[in-house]
PDB file of N, CA and C in Angstrom:
ATOM      1  N   UNK A   1     -20.241   2.361  -9.581  1.00  0.00           N
ATOM      2  CA  UNK A   1     -19.311   3.549  -9.597  1.00  0.00           C
ATOM      3  C   UNK A   1     -17.797   3.048  -9.123  1.00  0.00           C
ATOM      4  N   UNK A   2     -16.795   3.735  -9.573  1.00  0.00           N
ATOM      5  CA  UNK A   2     -15.576   3.255  -9.557  1.00  0.00           C
ATOM      6  C   UNK A   2     -15.256   3.319  -8.005  1.00  0.00           C
ATOM      7  N   UNK A   3     -14.438   2.508  -7.253  1.00  0.00           N
ATOM      8  CA  UNK A   3     -13.906   2.638  -5.947  1.00  0.00           C
ATOM      9  C   UNK A   3     -13.584   4.281  -5.725  1.00  0.00           C
ATOM     10  N   UNK A   4     -13.703   4.685  -4.649  1.00  0.00           N
ATOM     11  CA  UNK A   4     -13.136   6.125  -4.344  1.00  0.00           C
ATOM     12  C   UNK A   4     -12.043   6.655  -4.739  1.00  0.00           C
ATOM     13  N   UNK A   5     -10.805   5.696  -4.531  1.00  0.00           N
ATOM     14  CA  UNK A   5      -9.428   6.256  -5.030  1.00  0.00           C
ATOM     15  C   UNK A   5      -9.526   6.451  -6.500  1.00  0.00           C
ATOM     16  N   UNK A   6      -9.993   5.559  -6.928  1.00  0.00           N
ATOM     17  CA  UNK A   6      -9.936   5.226  -8.459  1.00  0.00           C
ATOM     18  C   UNK A   6     -11.032   6.405  -9.280  1.00  0.00           C
ATOM     19  N   UNK A   7     -11.999   6.830  -8.637  1.00  0.00           N
ATOM     20  CA  UNK A   7     -13.093   7.457  -9.493  1.00  0.00           C
ATOM     21  C   UNK A   7     -12.714   8.451 -10.525  1.00  0.00           C
ATOM     22  N   UNK A   8     -11.970   9.324  -9.932  1.00  0.00           N
ATOM     23  CA  UNK A   8     -11.849  10.324 -10.979  1.00  0.00           C
ATOM     24  C   UNK A   8     -10.926  10.251 -11.975  1.00  0.00           C
ATOM     25  N   UNK A   9     -10.009   9.152 -11.795  1.00  0.00           N
ATOM     26  CA  UNK A   9      -9.125   8.552 -12.735  1.00  0.00           C
ATOM     27  C   UNK A   9     -10.012   7.959 -13.976  1.00  0.00           C
ATOM     28  N   UNK A  10     -10.670   6.963 -13.442  1.00  0.00           N
ATOM     29  CA  UNK A  10     -11.623   6.426 -14.233  1.00  0.00           C
ATOM     30  C   UNK A  10     -12.436   7.156 -14.966  1.00  0.00           C
ATOM     31  N   UNK A  11     -13.083   7.868 -14.470  1.00  0.00           N
ATOM     32  CA  UNK A  11     -13.764   8.764 -15.370  1.00  0.00           C
ATOM     33  C   UNK A  11     -13.109   9.699 -16.246  1.00  0.00           C
ATOM     34  N   UNK A  12     -11.882   9.966 -15.976  1.00  0.00           N
ATOM     35  CA  UNK A  12     -11.043  10.548 -17.244  1.00  0.00           C
ATOM     36  C   UNK A  12     -10.871   9.483 -18.243  1.00  0.00           C
ATOM     37  N   UNK A  13     -10.687   8.361 -18.027  1.00  0.00           N
ATOM     38  CA  UNK A  13     -10.003   7.138 -19.145  1.00  0.00           C
ATOM     39  C   UNK A  13     -11.370   7.445 -19.692  1.00  0.00           C
ATOM     40  N   UNK A  14     -12.704   7.071 -19.093  1.00  0.00           N
ATOM     41  CA  UNK A  14     -13.992   6.767 -20.018  1.00  0.00           C
ATOM     42  C   UNK A  14     -13.998   7.989 -21.007  1.00  0.00           C
ATOM     43  N   UNK A  15     -14.112   9.451 -20.293  1.00  0.00           N
ATOM     44  CA  UNK A  15     -14.429  10.325 -21.106  1.00  0.00           C
ATOM     45  C   UNK A  15     -13.307  10.631 -22.314  1.00  0.00           C
ATOM     46  N   UNK A  16     -11.870  10.191 -22.055  1.00  0.00           N
ATOM     47  CA  UNK A  16     -11.109  10.046 -23.151  1.00  0.00           C
ATOM     48  C   UNK A  16     -11.285   9.323 -24.419  1.00  0.00           C
ATOM     49  N   UNK A  17     -11.710   7.932 -23.697  1.00  0.00           N
ATOM     50  CA  UNK A  17     -12.138   6.793 -24.793  1.00  0.00           C
ATOM     51  C   UNK A  17     -13.212   7.194 -25.592  1.00  0.00           C
ATOM     52  N   UNK A  18     -14.449   7.929 -25.041  1.00  0.00           N
ATOM     53  CA  UNK A  18     -15.421   8.513 -25.719  1.00  0.00           C
ATOM     54  C   UNK A  18     -15.311   9.608 -26.482  1.00  0.00           C
ATOM     55  N   UNK A  19     -14.298  10.539 -26.163  1.00  0.00           N
ATOM     56  CA  UNK A  19     -13.557  11.643 -27.119  1.00  0.00           C
ATOM     57  C   UNK A  19     -13.211  11.223 -28.195  1.00  0.00           C
ATOM     58  N   UNK A  20     -12.684  10.240 -28.255  1.00  0.00           N
ATOM     59  CA  UNK A  20     -11.693   9.426 -29.181  1.00  0.00           C
ATOM     60  C   UNK A  20     -12.569   8.626 -30.256  1.00  0.00           C
ATOM     61  N   UNK A  21     -13.854   8.365 -29.965  1.00  0.00           N
ATOM     62  CA  UNK A  21     -15.154   7.611 -30.481  1.00  0.00           C
ATOM     63  C   UNK A  21     -14.669   6.112 -30.261  1.00  0.00           C
ATOM     64  N   UNK A  22     -14.345   5.836 -29.465  1.00  0.00           N
ATOM     65  CA  UNK A  22     -13.964   4.174 -29.081  1.00  0.00           C
ATOM     66  C   UNK A  22     -14.856   3.435 -28.186  1.00  0.00           C
ATOM     67  N   UNK A  23     -15.487   2.468 -28.898  1.00  0.00           N
ATOM     68  CA  UNK A  23     -16.341   1.588 -28.143  1.00  0.00           C
ATOM     69  C   UNK A  23     -15.426   0.679 -26.913  1.00  0.00           C
ATOM     70  N   UNK A  24     -16.188   0.059 -26.122  1.00  0.00           N
ATOM     71  CA  UNK A  24     -15.422  -0.472 -25.217  1.00  0.00           C
ATOM     72  C   UNK A  24     -14.613  -2.088 -25.886  1.00  0.00           C
ATOM     73  N   UNK A  25     -15.242  -2.329 -26.848  1.00  0.00           N
ATOM     74  CA  UNK A  25     -14.757  -3.343 -27.827  1.00  0.00           C
ATOM     75  C   UNK A  25     -13.383  -2.809 -28.384  1.00  0.00           C
ATOM     76  N   UNK A  26     -13.594  -1.823 -29.032  1.00  0.00           N
ATOM     77  CA  UNK A  26     -12.457  -1.091 -29.690  1.00  0.00           C
ATOM     78  C   UNK A  26     -11.264  -1.076 -28.800  1.00  0.00           C
ATOM     79  N   UNK A  27     -11.678  -0.215 -27.557  1.00  0.00           N
ATOM     80  CA  UNK A  27     -10.425  -0.027 -26.705  1.00  0.00           C
ATOM     81  C   UNK A  27     -10.119  -1.123 -25.966  1.00  0.00           C
ATOM     82  N   UNK A  28     -10.426  -2.244 -25.851  1.00  0.00           N
ATOM     83  CA  UNK A  28     -10.252  -3.276 -25.431  1.00  0.00           C
ATOM     84  C   UNK A  28      -9.201  -4.242 -26.440  1.00  0.00           C
ATOM     85  N   UNK A  29      -9.411  -3.926 -27.655  1.00  0.00           N
ATOM     86  CA  UNK A  29      -8.653  -4.884 -28.814  1.00  0.00           C
ATOM     87  C   UNK A  29      -7.228  -3.780 -28.695  1.00  0.00           C
ATOM     88  N   UNK A  30      -7.588  -2.536 -28.653  1.00  0.00           N
ATOM     89  CA  UNK A  30      -6.176  -1.879 -28.791  1.00  0.00           C
ATOM     90  C   UNK A  30      -5.120  -2.409 -27.511  1.00  0.00           C
ATOM     91  N   UNK A  31      -5.983  -2.471 -26.142  1.00  0.00           N
ATOM     92  CA  UNK A  31      -5.494  -2.971 -24.937  1.00  0.00           C
ATOM     93  C   UNK A  31      -4.941  -4.468 -24.920  1.00  0.00           C
ATOM     94  N   UNK A  32      -5.438  -5.354 -25.936  1.00  0.00           N
ATOM     95  CA  UNK A  32      -5.392  -6.370 -25.732  1.00  0.00           C
ATOM     96  C   UNK A  32      -6.467  -7.189 -24.578  1.00  0.00           C
ATOM     97  N   UNK A  33      -7.261  -6.382 -24.204  1.00  0.00           N
ATOM     98  CA  UNK A  33      -8.362  -7.034 -22.958  1.00  0.00           C
ATOM     99  C   UNK A  33      -9.665  -7.364 -23.556  1.00  0.00           C
ATOM    100  N   UNK A  34     -10.816  -8.195 -22.987  1.00  0.00           N
ATOM    101  CA  UNK A  34     -11.802  -8.205 -23.630  1.00  0.00           C
ATOM    102  C   UNK A  34     -12.543  -7.226 -22.851  1.00  0.00           C
ATOM    103  N   UNK A  35     -13.974  -7.166 -23.884  1.00  0.00           N
ATOM    104  CA  UNK A  35     -14.710  -5.750 -23.502  1.00  0.00           C
ATOM    105  C   UNK A  35     -15.264  -6.034 -21.864  1.00  0.00           C
ATOM    106  N   UNK A  36     -15.506  -7.205 -21.615  1.00  0.00           N
ATOM    107  CA  UNK A  36     -16.220  -7.481 -20.136  1.00  0.00           C
ATOM    108  C   UNK A  36     -15.318  -6.698 -19.235  1.00  0.00           C
ATOM    109  N   UNK A  37     -14.008  -6.995 -19.427  1.00  0.00           N
ATOM    110  CA  UNK A  37     -13.042  -6.610 -18.597  1.00  0.00           C
ATOM    111  C   UNK A  37     -12.939  -4.841 -18.457  1.00  0.00           C
ATOM    112  N   UNK A  38     -12.689  -4.282 -19.614  1.00  0.00           N
ATOM    113  CA  UNK A  38     -12.899  -2.855 -19.636  1.00  0.00           C
ATOM    114  C   UNK A  38     -14.460  -2.326 -19.231  1.00  0.00           C
ATOM    115  N   UNK A  39     -15.247  -3.097 -19.029  1.00  0.00           N
ATOM    116  CA  UNK A  39     -16.435  -2.549 -18.955  1.00  0.00           C
ATOM    117  C   UNK A  39     -16.706  -2.629 -17.206  1.00  0.00           C
ATOM    118  N   UNK A  40     -15.641  -3.944 -16.635  1.00  0.00           N
ATOM    119  CA  UNK A  40     -15.738  -3.795 -15.025  1.00  0.00           C
ATOM    120  C   UNK A  40     -14.987  -2.894 -14.727  1.00  0.00           C
ATOM    121  N   UNK A  41     -13.736  -2.186 -15.187  1.00  0.00           N
ATOM    122  CA  UNK A  41     -13.156  -1.075 -14.698  1.00  0.00           C
ATOM    123  C   UNK A  41     -13.949   0.140 -14.811  1.00  0.00           C
ATOM    124  N   UNK A  42     -14.630   0.089 -15.847  1.00  0.00           N
ATOM    125  CA  UNK A  42     -15.657   1.556 -15.938  1.00  0.00           C
ATOM    126  C   UNK A  42     -16.500   1.393 -14.871  1.00  0.00           C
ATOM    127  N   UNK A  43     -17.028   0.402 -14.699  1.00  0.00           N
ATOM    128  CA  UNK A  43     -18.254   0.368 -13.791  1.00  0.00           C
ATOM    129  C   UNK A  43     -17.797   0.127 -12.287  1.00  0.00           C
ATOM    130  N   UNK A  44     -16.547   0.083 -12.243  1.00  0.00           N
ATOM    131  CA  UNK A  44     -16.061   0.310 -10.450  1.00  0.00           C
ATOM    132  C   UNK A  44     -16.113  -1.227 -10.265  1.00  0.00           C
ATOM    133  N   UNK A  45     -16.351  -2.457 -10.711  1.00  0.00           N
ATOM    134  CA  UNK A  45     -16.277  -3.943 -10.247  1.00  0.00           C
ATOM    135  C   UNK A  45     -14.704  -4.434 -10.317  1.00  0.00           C
ATOM    136  N   UNK A  46     -13.986  -3.801 -10.761  1.00  0.00           N
ATOM    137  CA  UNK A  46     -12.562  -3.890 -10.697  1.00  0.00           C
ATOM    138  C   UNK A  46     -11.822  -3.052 -10.552  1.00  0.00           C
ATOM    139  N   UNK A  47     -10.920  -3.137  -9.761  1.00  0.00           N
ATOM    140  CA  UNK A  47      -9.842  -2.213  -8.895  1.00  0.00           C
ATOM    141  C   UNK A  47      -8.431  -2.815  -9.607  1.00  0.00           C
ATOM    142  N   UNK A  48      -8.074  -2.056 -10.566  1.00  0.00           N
ATOM    143  CA  UNK A  48      -6.913  -2.408 -11.417  1.00  0.00           C
ATOM    144  C   UNK A  48      -5.764  -1.719 -10.735  1.00  0.00           C
ATOM    145  N   UNK A  49      -4.588  -2.511 -11.256  1.00  0.00           N
ATOM    146  CA  UNK A  49      -3.313  -2.362 -10.656  1.00  0.00           C
ATOM    147  C   UNK A  49      -2.872  -0.788 -11.376  1.00  0.00           C
ATOM    148  N   UNK A  50      -1.966  -0.157 -10.891  1.00  0.00           N
ATOM    149  CA  UNK A  50      -1.381   1.404 -11.154  1.00  0.00           C
ATOM    150  C   UNK A  50      -0.848   0.742 -12.614  1.00  0.00           C
ATOM    151  N   UNK A  51      -0.337  -0.101 -12.825  1.00  0.00           N
ATOM    152  CA  UNK A  51       0.470  -0.360 -14.397  1.00  0.00           C
ATOM    153  C   UNK A  51      -0.688  -0.553 -15.376  1.00  0.00           C
ATOM    154  N   UNK A  52      -1.642  -1.177 -14.680  1.00  0.00           N
ATOM    155  CA  UNK A  52      -2.905  -0.995 -15.871  1.00  0.00           C
ATOM    156  C   UNK A  52      -3.198   0.355 -16.156  1.00  0.00           C
ATOM    157  N   UNK A  53      -3.655   0.942 -15.232  1.00  0.00           N
ATOM    158  CA  UNK A  53      -3.851   2.152 -15.132  1.00  0.00           C
ATOM    159  C   UNK A  53      -3.200   3.105 -16.130  1.00  0.00           C
ATOM    160  N   UNK A  54      -1.681   3.113 -15.995  1.00  0.00           N
ATOM    161  CA  UNK A  54      -0.807   3.569 -16.717  1.00  0.00           C
ATOM    162  C   UNK A  54      -0.861   3.117 -18.126  1.00  0.00           C
ATOM    163  N   UNK A  55      -1.029   1.918 -18.224  1.00  0.00           N
ATOM    164  CA  UNK A  55      -1.067   1.328 -19.943  1.00  0.00           C
ATOM    165  C   UNK A  55      -2.418   1.969 -20.418  1.00  0.00           C
ATOM    166  N   UNK A  56      -3.604   1.840 -20.122  1.00  0.00           N
ATOM    167  CA  UNK A  56      -4.751   2.260 -20.470  1.00  0.00           C
ATOM    168  C   UNK A  56      -4.776   3.799 -20.780  1.00  0.00           C
ATOM    169  N   UNK A  57      -4.044   4.606 -19.714  1.00  0.00           N
ATOM    170  CA  UNK A  57      -4.120   6.021 -19.900  1.00  0.00           C
ATOM    171  C   UNK A  57      -2.944   6.354 -21.247  1.00  0.00           C
ATOM    172  N   UNK A  58      -2.080   5.645 -21.248  1.00  0.00           N
ATOM    173  CA  UNK A  58      -1.305   6.205 -22.412  1.00  0.00           C
ATOM    174  C   UNK A  58      -1.690   5.930 -23.856  1.00  0.00           C
ATOM    175  N   UNK A  59      -2.791   4.589 -24.001  1.00  0.00           N
ATOM    176  CA  UNK A  59      -3.097   4.086 -25.153  1.00  0.00           C
ATOM    177  C   UNK A  59      -4.348   5.308 -25.365  1.00  0.00           C
ATOM    178  N   UNK A  60      -4.855   6.258 -24.385  1.00  0.00           N
ATOM    179  CA  UNK A  60      -5.633   7.138 -25.084  1.00  0.00           C
ATOM    180  C   UNK A  60      -5.094   8.391 -24.976  1.00  0.00           C
ATOM    181  N   UNK A  61      -3.665   8.652 -24.963  1.00  0.00           N
ATOM    182  CA  UNK A  61      -3.139   9.770 -25.098  1.00  0.00           C
ATOM    183  C   UNK A  61      -2.826  10.520 -23.673  1.00  0.00           C
ATOM    184  N   UNK A  62      -2.943   9.987 -22.370  1.00  0.00           N
ATOM    185  CA  UNK A  62      -3.088  10.796 -21.254  1.00  0.00           C
ATOM    186  C   UNK A  62      -1.873   9.996 -20.677  1.00  0.00           C
ATOM    187  N   UNK A  63      -1.302  10.900 -19.791  1.00  0.00           N
ATOM    188  CA  UNK A  63       0.158  10.705 -18.717  1.00  0.00           C
ATOM    189  C   UNK A  63      -0.387  10.835 -17.477  1.00  0.00           C
ATOM    190  N   UNK A  64      -0.081   9.857 -16.629  1.00  0.00           N
ATOM    191  CA  UNK A  64      -0.356   9.871 -15.196  1.00  0.00           C
ATOM    192  C   UNK A  64       0.810  10.552 -14.483  1.00  0.00           C
ATOM    193  N   UNK A  65       0.840  11.425 -13.916  1.00  0.00           N
ATOM    194  CA  UNK A  65       2.182  11.954 -13.128  1.00  0.00           C
ATOM    195  C   UNK A  65       2.057  12.370 -11.606  1.00  0.00           C
ATOM    196  N   UNK A  66       2.992  12.064 -11.210  1.00  0.00           N
ATOM    197  CA  UNK A  66       2.957  12.512  -9.605  1.00  0.00           C
ATOM    198  C   UNK A  66       3.677  13.759  -9.384  1.00  0.00           C
ATOM    199  N   UNK A  67       2.893  14.670  -8.665  1.00  0.00           N
ATOM    200  CA  UNK A  67       3.511  16.109  -8.951  1.00  0.00           C
ATOM    201  C   UNK A  67       3.280  16.411  -7.293  1.00  0.00           C
ATOM    202  N   UNK A  68       4.150  17.344  -6.843  1.00  0.00           N
ATOM    203  CA  UNK A  68       4.152  17.650  -5.410  1.00  0.00           C
ATOM    204  C   UNK A  68       2.918  18.455  -5.190  1.00  0.00           C
ATOM    205  N   UNK A  69       2.222  18.249  -3.917  1.00  0.00           N
ATOM    206  CA  UNK A  69       0.752  18.600  -3.687  1.00  0.00           C
ATOM    207  C   UNK A  69       0.763  20.338  -3.702  1.00  0.00           C
ATOM    208  N   UNK A  70       1.883  21.034  -3.688  1.00  0.00           N
ATOM    209  CA  UNK A  70       1.857  22.654  -3.634  1.00  0.00           C
ATOM    210  C   UNK A  70       1.792  23.066  -5.232  1.00  0.00           C
ATOM    211  N   UNK A  71       1.971  22.172  -6.216  1.00  0.00           N
ATOM    212  CA  UNK A  71       1.892  22.272  -7.507  1.00  0.00           C
ATOM    213  C   UNK A  71       0.567  21.870  -8.003  1.00  0.00           C
ATOM    214  N   UNK A  72      -0.073  21.350  -7.561  1.00  0.00           N
ATOM    215  CA  UNK A  72      -1.531  20.480  -7.933  1.00  0.00           C
ATOM    216  C   UNK A  72      -2.412  21.644  -8.615  1.00  0.00           C
ATOM    217  N   UNK A  73      -2.846  22.707  -7.902  1.00  0.00           N
ATOM    218  CA  UNK A  73      -3.747  23.609  -8.239  1.00  0.00           C
ATOM    219  C   UNK A  73      -2.975  24.358  -9.343  1.00  0.00           C
ATOM    220  N   UNK A  74      -1.800  24.880  -9.589  1.00  0.00           N
ATOM    221  CA  UNK A  74      -1.412  25.668 -10.859  1.00  0.00           C
ATOM    222  C   UNK A  74      -1.237  24.545 -12.079  1.00  0.00           C
ATOM    223  N   UNK A  75      -1.010  23.204 -11.920  1.00  0.00           N
ATOM    224  CA  UNK A  75      -1.120  22.492 -12.848  1.00  0.00           C
ATOM    225  C   UNK A  75      -2.678  22.020 -13.254  1.00  0.00           C
ATOM    226  N   UNK A  76      -3.470  22.043 -12.515  1.00  0.00           N
ATOM    227  CA  UNK A  76      -4.965  21.850 -12.531  1.00  0.00           C
ATOM    228  C   UNK A  76      -5.446  22.891 -13.533  1.00  0.00           C
ATOM    229  N   UNK A  77      -5.201  24.263 -13.115  1.00  0.00           N
ATOM    230  CA  UNK A  77      -5.390  25.332 -13.915  1.00  0.00           C
ATOM    231  C   UNK A  77      -4.633  25.356 -15.137  1.00  0.00           C
ATOM    232  N   UNK A  78      -3.592  25.066 -15.545  1.00  0.00           N
ATOM    233  CA  UNK A  78      -3.175  24.853 -16.715  1.00  0.00           C
ATOM    234  C   UNK A  78      -3.865  23.893 -17.437  1.00  0.00           C
ATOM    235  N   UNK A  79      -3.951  22.525 -17.047  1.00  0.00           N
ATOM    236  CA  UNK A  79      -5.132  21.418 -17.905  1.00  0.00           C
ATOM    237  C   UNK A  79      -6.349  22.323 -18.278  1.00  0.00           C
ATOM    238  N   UNK A  80      -6.949  22.934 -17.292  1.00  0.00           N
ATOM    239  CA  UNK A  80      -8.302  23.352 -17.308  1.00  0.00           C
ATOM    240  C   UNK A  80      -7.850  24.641 -18.587  1.00  0.00           C
ATOM    241  N   UNK A  81      -7.247  25.366 -18.551  1.00  0.00           N
ATOM    242  CA  UNK A  81      -6.806  26.387 -19.843  1.00  0.00           C
ATOM    243  C   UNK A  81      -6.675  25.876 -20.780  1.00  0.00           C
ATOM    244  N   UNK A  82      -5.934  24.688 -20.962  1.00  0.00           N
ATOM    245  CA  UNK A  82      -5.341  24.054 -22.234  1.00  0.00           C
ATOM    246  C   UNK A  82      -7.114  23.466 -22.848  1.00  0.00           C
ATOM    247  N   UNK A  83      -7.699  22.759 -22.063  1.00  0.00           N
ATOM    248  CA  UNK A  83      -9.047  22.341 -22.581  1.00  0.00           C
ATOM    249  C   UNK A  83     -10.363  23.455 -22.384  1.00  0.00           C
ATOM    250  N   UNK A  84      -9.647  24.299 -22.539  1.00  0.00           N
ATOM    251  CA  UNK A  84     -10.897  25.406 -22.390  1.00  0.00           C
ATOM    252  C   UNK A  84     -12.019  25.614 -21.411  1.00  0.00           C
ATOM    253  N   UNK A  85     -11.553  25.102 -20.191  1.00  0.00           N
ATOM    254  CA  UNK A  85     -12.419  24.580 -19.079  1.00  0.00           C
ATOM    255  C   UNK A  85     -12.315  25.876 -17.940  1.00  0.00           C
ATOM    256  N   UNK A  86     -11.532  27.021 -18.223  1.00  0.00           N
ATOM    257  CA  UNK A  86     -11.029  27.711 -17.346  1.00  0.00           C
ATOM    258  C   UNK A  86     -12.097  28.383 -16.844  1.00  0.00           C
ATOM    259  N   UNK A  87     -12.469  28.658 -15.609  1.00  0.00           N
ATOM    260  CA  UNK A  87     -13.401  29.362 -14.592  1.00  0.00           C
ATOM    261  C   UNK A  87     -13.202  30.679 -14.121  1.00  0.00           C
ATOM    262  N   UNK A  88     -11.920  31.441 -14.769  1.00  0.00           N
ATOM    263  CA  UNK A  88     -11.494  32.475 -14.462  1.00  0.00           C
ATOM    264  C   UNK A  88     -10.800  33.064 -15.264  1.00  0.00           C
ATOM    265  N   UNK A  89     -10.432  34.450 -15.081  1.00  0.00           N
ATOM    266  CA  UNK A  89      -9.368  35.052 -16.049  1.00  0.00           C
ATOM    267  C   UNK A  89      -8.007  35.017 -15.567  1.00  0.00           C
ATOM    268  N   UNK A  90      -7.900  34.686 -14.146  1.00  0.00           N
ATOM    269  CA  UNK A  90      -6.455  34.347 -13.734  1.00  0.00           C
ATOM    270  C   UNK A  90      -5.875  33.082 -14.201  1.00  0.00           C
ATOM    271  N   UNK A  91      -4.573  33.463 -14.480  1.00  0.00           N
ATOM    272  CA  UNK A  91      -3.437  32.676 -15.000  1.00  0.00           C
ATOM    273  C   UNK A  91      -2.710  31.481 -13.875  1.00  0.00           C
ATOM    274  N   UNK A  92      -2.446  30.854 -14.233  1.00  0.00           N
ATOM    275  CA  UNK A  92      -1.880  29.737 -13.151  1.00  0.00           C
ATOM    276  C   UNK A  92      -0.515  30.612 -13.124  1.00  0.00           C
ATOM    277  N   UNK A  93       0.251  30.434 -11.894  1.00  0.00           N
ATOM    278  CA  UNK A  93       1.815  30.960 -11.335  1.00  0.00           C
ATOM    279  C   UNK A  93       2.520  29.735 -11.667  1.00  0.00           C
ATOM    280  N   UNK A  94       3.362  29.839 -12.628  1.00  0.00           N
ATOM    281  CA  UNK A  94       4.325  28.923 -12.971  1.00  0.00           C
ATOM    282  C   UNK A  94       5.585  29.340 -12.984  1.00  0.00           C
ATOM    283  N   UNK A  95       6.412  28.936 -11.353  1.00  0.00           N
ATOM    284  CA  UNK A  95       7.660  29.362 -11.266  1.00  0.00           C
ATOM    285  C   UNK A  95       8.870  29.282 -12.028  1.00  0.00           C
ATOM    286  N   UNK A  96       9.945  29.954 -12.375  1.00  0.00           N
ATOM    287  CA  UNK A  96      10.775  30.069 -13.213  1.00  0.00           C
ATOM    288  C   UNK A  96      12.204  30.194 -12.517  1.00  0.00           C
ATOM    289  N   UNK A  97      13.114  29.632 -12.842  1.00  0.00           N
ATOM    290  CA  UNK A  97      14.387  29.693 -12.320  1.00  0.00           C
ATOM    291  C   UNK A  97      14.463  29.561 -10.872  1.00  0.00           C
ATOM    292  N   UNK A  98      15.105  30.744 -10.125  1.00  0.00           N
ATOM    293  CA  UNK A  98      15.011  30.771  -8.868  1.00  0.00           C
ATOM    294  C   UNK A  98      13.845  30.934  -7.988  1.00  0.00           C
ATOM    295  N   UNK A  99      12.670  31.321  -8.771  1.00  0.00           N
ATOM    296  CA  UNK A  99      11.442  31.439  -8.166  1.00  0.00           C
ATOM    297  C   UNK A  99      10.926  30.133  -7.230  1.00  0.00           C
ATOM    298  N   UNK A 100      11.562  29.108  -8.095  1.00  0.00           N
ATOM    299  CA  UNK A 100      10.963  27.729  -7.655  1.00  0.00           C
ATOM    300  C   UNK A 100      11.573  27.452  -6.494  1.00  0.00           C
ATOM    301  N   UNK A 101      12.646  27.595  -5.956  1.00  0.00           N
ATOM    302  CA  UNK A 101      13.634  27.311  -4.883  1.00  0.00           C
ATOM    303  C   UNK A 101      12.969  27.675  -3.712  1.00  0.00           C
TER     304      UNK A 101
END
């Protein structure tokens, strides 16, 4: 299992790789890394640098972002809505203009 701090990020990378139908070998080739390196990341045996996580994420069409904590819930809800994973009929509140200040 990946290191606690990285677990959710690595799980998302694995899911994105599989959703694209890529094997570890194919993904490694895209990234210029051996399959064993990809495997060690996915199995939590290697703690990768942030720059590597960003690069691997972008190869899979993902973007890492730093957001204010108070916006993390609305952003998570938007992502879940986009992915069809919303658990409620409520919509996320997105501030507009002066509402944000």
